[in-house]
Amino acid sequence: MWRLLVVYHVRSVPELWLARSFPSLKALGPYVREVIDRVEFFASWLANGPPVVYWLSGFFFTQAFLTGAKQNYARRHKVPIDLIDFDFEVRDRKGAADKRPEDGVLVRGMFLDAAAWDYEQHCLCESDPKVRAVL
């Protein structure tokens, strides 16, 4: 009971939850919002089939998803997976991510560390002062 009172007062995620959850440093409210968003993302995937754009930061283990994308490409083109590497294309224009690509996957939710994205020039730029990570 005391732990529950402390969690409520401090608004931190209970340790018991974090032991069975994705790692998070968020306060309780934003953590619960993210859990709901993740459940909605995967429920939509189950109900409607694979999404056009995958929420990369919504995965607990992103490496497995990315390896799966490489495996799909390798099997489709009969190429050893060891010879495949990622190529990136930023699609920040309206409608650029409306349909599934022929090969590969579209993702959202990547973070930039110590940089920002310039939507007018379509390139990396300096981040704002005192802003370390940008979504």
C-alpha atoms as a PDB file:
ATOM      1  CA  MET A   1       0.000   0.000   0.000  1.00  0.00           C
ATOM      2  CA  TRP A   2       2.835   2.363   0.877  1.00  0.00           C
ATOM      3  CA  ARG A   3       4.500   1.781  -2.517  1.00  0.00           C
ATOM      4  CA  LEU A   4       1.246   2.563  -4.313  1.00  0.00           C
ATOM      5  CA  LEU A   5       0.915   5.813  -2.377  1.00  0.00           C
ATOM      6  CA  VAL A   6       4.510   6.778  -3.230  1.00  0.00           C
ATOM      7  CA  VAL A   7       3.947   5.933  -6.915  1.00  0.00           C
ATOM      8  CA  TYR A   8       0.778   8.024  -6.980  1.00  0.00           C
ATOM      9  CA  HIS A   9       2.394  10.954  -5.183  1.00  0.00           C
ATOM     10  CA  VAL A  10       5.616  10.950  -7.248  1.00  0.00           C
ATOM     11  CA  ARG A  11       3.764   9.898 -10.411  1.00  0.00           C
ATOM     12  CA  SER A  12       6.438   7.378 -11.321  1.00  0.00           C
ATOM     13  CA  VAL A  13       5.910   4.072 -13.091  1.00  0.00           C
ATOM     14  CA  PRO A  14       5.757   1.202 -10.576  1.00  0.00           C
ATOM     15  CA  GLU A  15       8.869  -0.997 -10.596  1.00  0.00           C
ATOM     16  CA  LEU A  16       6.679  -4.084 -10.985  1.00  0.00           C
ATOM     17  CA  TRP A  17       5.332  -2.684 -14.266  1.00  0.00           C
ATOM     18  CA  LEU A  18       8.789  -1.768 -15.567  1.00  0.00           C
ATOM     19  CA  ALA A  19      10.056  -5.271 -14.786  1.00  0.00           C
ATOM     20  CA  ARG A  20       7.564  -6.601 -17.368  1.00  0.00           C
ATOM     21  CA  SER A  21       7.552  -3.675 -19.772  1.00  0.00           C
ATOM     22  CA  PHE A  22       9.593  -1.744 -22.283  1.00  0.00           C
ATOM     23  CA  PRO A  23      12.261   0.477 -20.705  1.00  0.00           C
ATOM     24  CA  SER A  24      11.024   3.974 -19.977  1.00  0.00           C
ATOM     25  CA  LEU A  25      12.091   7.032 -18.024  1.00  0.00           C
ATOM     26  CA  LYS A  26       8.721   8.730 -18.475  1.00  0.00           C
ATOM     27  CA  ALA A  27       6.431   9.792 -15.671  1.00  0.00           C
ATOM     28  CA  LEU A  28       3.338   7.672 -15.049  1.00  0.00           C
ATOM     29  CA  GLY A  29       0.906   9.666 -17.250  1.00  0.00           C
ATOM     30  CA  PRO A  30       3.031   9.749 -20.418  1.00  0.00           C
ATOM     31  CA  TYR A  31       4.028   6.107 -19.835  1.00  0.00           C
ATOM     32  CA  VAL A  32       0.387   4.984 -19.723  1.00  0.00           C
ATOM     33  CA  ARG A  33      -0.332   7.060 -22.871  1.00  0.00           C
ATOM     34  CA  GLU A  34       2.532   5.266 -24.654  1.00  0.00           C
ATOM     35  CA  VAL A  35       1.243   1.851 -23.546  1.00  0.00           C
ATOM     36  CA  ILE A  36      -2.180   2.735 -24.971  1.00  0.00           C
ATOM     37  CA  ASP A  37      -0.595   3.983 -28.234  1.00  0.00           C
ATOM     38  CA  ARG A  38       1.404   0.765 -28.575  1.00  0.00           C
ATOM     39  CA  VAL A  39      -1.652  -1.417 -27.960  1.00  0.00           C
ATOM     40  CA  GLU A  40      -3.644   0.591 -30.533  1.00  0.00           C
ATOM     41  CA  PHE A  41      -0.819   0.280 -33.095  1.00  0.00           C
ATOM     42  CA  PHE A  42      -0.558  -3.497 -32.767  1.00  0.00           C
ATOM     43  CA  ALA A  43      -4.344  -3.974 -32.549  1.00  0.00           C
ATOM     44  CA  SER A  44      -4.746  -2.032 -35.792  1.00  0.00           C
ATOM     45  CA  TRP A  45      -2.030  -4.166 -37.390  1.00  0.00           C
ATOM     46  CA  LEU A  46      -3.868  -7.351 -36.367  1.00  0.00           C
ATOM     47  CA  ALA A  47      -7.275  -6.082 -37.462  1.00  0.00           C
ATOM     48  CA  ASN A  48      -6.286  -4.340 -40.714  1.00  0.00           C
ATOM     49  CA  GLY A  49      -3.099  -6.079 -41.819  1.00  0.00           C
ATOM     50  CA  PRO A  50       0.411  -4.630 -41.981  1.00  0.00           C
ATOM     51  CA  PRO A  51       0.517  -0.831 -41.840  1.00  0.00           C
ATOM     52  CA  VAL A  52       1.960   1.291 -44.637  1.00  0.00           C
ATOM     53  CA  VAL A  53       4.221   3.063 -42.123  1.00  0.00           C
ATOM     54  CA  TYR A  54       5.561   1.204 -39.078  1.00  0.00           C
ATOM     55  CA  TRP A  55       6.052   2.977 -35.745  1.00  0.00           C
ATOM     56  CA  LEU A  56       9.698   2.032 -35.182  1.00  0.00           C
ATOM     57  CA  SER A  57      10.016   3.403 -31.656  1.00  0.00           C
ATOM     58  CA  GLY A  58       6.821   1.529 -30.743  1.00  0.00           C
ATOM     59  CA  PHE A  59       8.659  -1.791 -30.986  1.00  0.00           C
ATOM     60  CA  PHE A  60      10.290  -3.189 -27.858  1.00  0.00           C
ATOM     61  CA  PHE A  61      13.130  -4.774 -29.846  1.00  0.00           C
ATOM     62  CA  THR A  62      13.614  -2.725 -33.027  1.00  0.00           C
ATOM     63  CA  GLN A  63      16.571  -4.827 -34.191  1.00  0.00           C
ATOM     64  CA  ALA A  64      14.298  -7.846 -34.705  1.00  0.00           C
ATOM     65  CA  PHE A  65      11.917  -5.819 -36.872  1.00  0.00           C
ATOM     66  CA  LEU A  66      14.769  -4.402 -38.959  1.00  0.00           C
ATOM     67  CA  THR A  67      16.350  -7.850 -39.364  1.00  0.00           C
ATOM     68  CA  GLY A  68      12.967  -9.171 -40.498  1.00  0.00           C
ATOM     69  CA  ALA A  69      12.781  -6.429 -43.122  1.00  0.00           C
ATOM     70  CA  LYS A  70      16.229  -7.433 -44.391  1.00  0.00           C
ATOM     71  CA  GLN A  71      15.223 -11.119 -44.430  1.00  0.00           C
ATOM     72  CA  ASN A  72      12.121 -10.370 -46.488  1.00  0.00           C
ATOM     73  CA  TYR A  73      14.224  -8.471 -49.017  1.00  0.00           C
ATOM     74  CA  ALA A  74      16.884 -11.212 -49.127  1.00  0.00           C
ATOM     75  CA  ARG A  75      14.303 -13.937 -49.740  1.00  0.00           C
ATOM     76  CA  ARG A  76      12.435 -11.945 -52.382  1.00  0.00           C
ATOM     77  CA  HIS A  77      15.615 -11.205 -54.351  1.00  0.00           C
ATOM     78  CA  LYS A  78      17.474 -14.443 -53.513  1.00  0.00           C
ATOM     79  CA  VAL A  79      20.448 -12.559 -52.075  1.00  0.00           C
ATOM     80  CA  PRO A  80      22.437 -13.604 -48.977  1.00  0.00           C
ATOM     81  CA  ILE A  81      21.319 -11.450 -46.048  1.00  0.00           C
ATOM     82  CA  ASP A  82      24.960 -10.716 -45.179  1.00  0.00           C
ATOM     83  CA  LEU A  83      25.251  -8.719 -48.410  1.00  0.00           C
ATOM     84  CA  ILE A  84      22.281  -6.477 -47.616  1.00  0.00           C
ATOM     85  CA  ASP A  85      22.561  -3.146 -45.894  1.00  0.00           C
ATOM     86  CA  PHE A  86      20.020  -0.411 -45.253  1.00  0.00           C
ATOM     87  CA  ASP A  87      19.476   2.545 -47.531  1.00  0.00           C
ATOM     88  CA  PHE A  88      17.543   5.492 -46.178  1.00  0.00           C
ATOM     89  CA  GLU A  89      15.215   7.919 -47.889  1.00  0.00           C
ATOM     90  CA  VAL A  90      13.453  10.639 -45.907  1.00  0.00           C
ATOM     91  CA  ARG A  91       9.900  11.134 -47.088  1.00  0.00           C
ATOM     92  CA  ASP A  92       8.792  14.359 -45.517  1.00  0.00           C
ATOM     93  CA  ARG A  93       6.607  15.727 -48.292  1.00  0.00           C
ATOM     94  CA  LYS A  94       2.841  15.426 -48.112  1.00  0.00           C
ATOM     95  CA  GLY A  95       1.665  12.132 -49.594  1.00  0.00           C
ATOM     96  CA  ALA A  96       5.187  10.683 -49.861  1.00  0.00           C
ATOM     97  CA  ALA A  97       4.390   7.899 -47.392  1.00  0.00           C
ATOM     98  CA  ASP A  98       0.830   7.087 -48.428  1.00  0.00           C
ATOM     99  CA  LYS A  99       1.557   3.772 -50.126  1.00  0.00           C
ATOM    100  CA  ARG A 100       3.716   0.789 -49.261  1.00  0.00           C
ATOM    101  CA  PRO A 101       7.067   0.649 -51.080  1.00  0.00           C
ATOM    102  CA  GLU A 102       7.743  -2.206 -53.493  1.00  0.00           C
ATOM    103  CA  ASP A 103      10.797  -3.193 -51.434  1.00  0.00           C
ATOM    104  CA  GLY A 104      11.621  -2.320 -47.841  1.00  0.00           C
ATOM    105  CA  VAL A 105       9.564  -0.636 -45.162  1.00  0.00           C
ATOM    106  CA  LEU A 106       8.539   2.870 -44.218  1.00  0.00           C
ATOM    107  CA  VAL A 107       9.069   3.825 -40.576  1.00  0.00           C
ATOM    108  CA  ARG A 108       8.289   6.743 -38.318  1.00  0.00           C
ATOM    109  CA  GLY A 109       9.412   7.532 -34.793  1.00  0.00           C
ATOM    110  CA  MET A 110      13.151   7.819 -35.318  1.00  0.00           C
ATOM    111  CA  PHE A 111      15.016  10.218 -33.074  1.00  0.00           C
ATOM    112  CA  LEU A 112      17.808  12.591 -34.035  1.00  0.00           C
ATOM    113  CA  ASP A 113      20.481  13.175 -31.417  1.00  0.00           C
ATOM    114  CA  ALA A 114      22.200  16.607 -31.468  1.00  0.00           C
ATOM    115  CA  ALA A 115      20.638  17.461 -34.856  1.00  0.00           C
ATOM    116  CA  ALA A 116      17.302  18.477 -36.338  1.00  0.00           C
ATOM    117  CA  TRP A 117      15.494  18.066 -39.653  1.00  0.00           C
ATOM    118  CA  ASP A 118      14.942  21.076 -41.896  1.00  0.00           C
ATOM    119  CA  TYR A 119      11.565  20.487 -43.559  1.00  0.00           C
ATOM    120  CA  GLU A 120      12.093  23.311 -46.058  1.00  0.00           C
ATOM    121  CA  GLN A 121      15.548  22.231 -47.272  1.00  0.00           C
ATOM    122  CA  HIS A 122      14.880  18.498 -46.677  1.00  0.00           C
ATOM    123  CA  CYS A 123      18.188  17.900 -44.906  1.00  0.00           C
ATOM    124  CA  LEU A 124      19.820  17.683 -41.476  1.00  0.00           C
ATOM    125  CA  CYS A 125      20.559  20.937 -39.701  1.00  0.00           C
ATOM    126  CA  GLU A 126      21.765  22.203 -36.344  1.00  0.00           C
ATOM    127  CA  SER A 127      19.391  21.529 -33.483  1.00  0.00           C
ATOM    128  CA  ASP A 128      17.969  24.360 -31.433  1.00  0.00           C
ATOM    129  CA  PRO A 129      20.100  25.418 -28.450  1.00  0.00           C
ATOM    130  CA  LYS A 130      19.740  23.099 -25.446  1.00  0.00           C
ATOM    131  CA  VAL A 131      17.654  20.579 -27.438  1.00  0.00           C
ATOM    132  CA  ARG A 132      19.457  17.263 -27.493  1.00  0.00           C
ATOM    133  CA  ALA A 133      16.990  14.853 -29.091  1.00  0.00           C
ATOM    134  CA  VAL A 134      14.375  15.561 -31.739  1.00  0.00           C
ATOM    135  CA  LEU A 135      11.598  13.255 -32.958  1.00  0.00           C
END
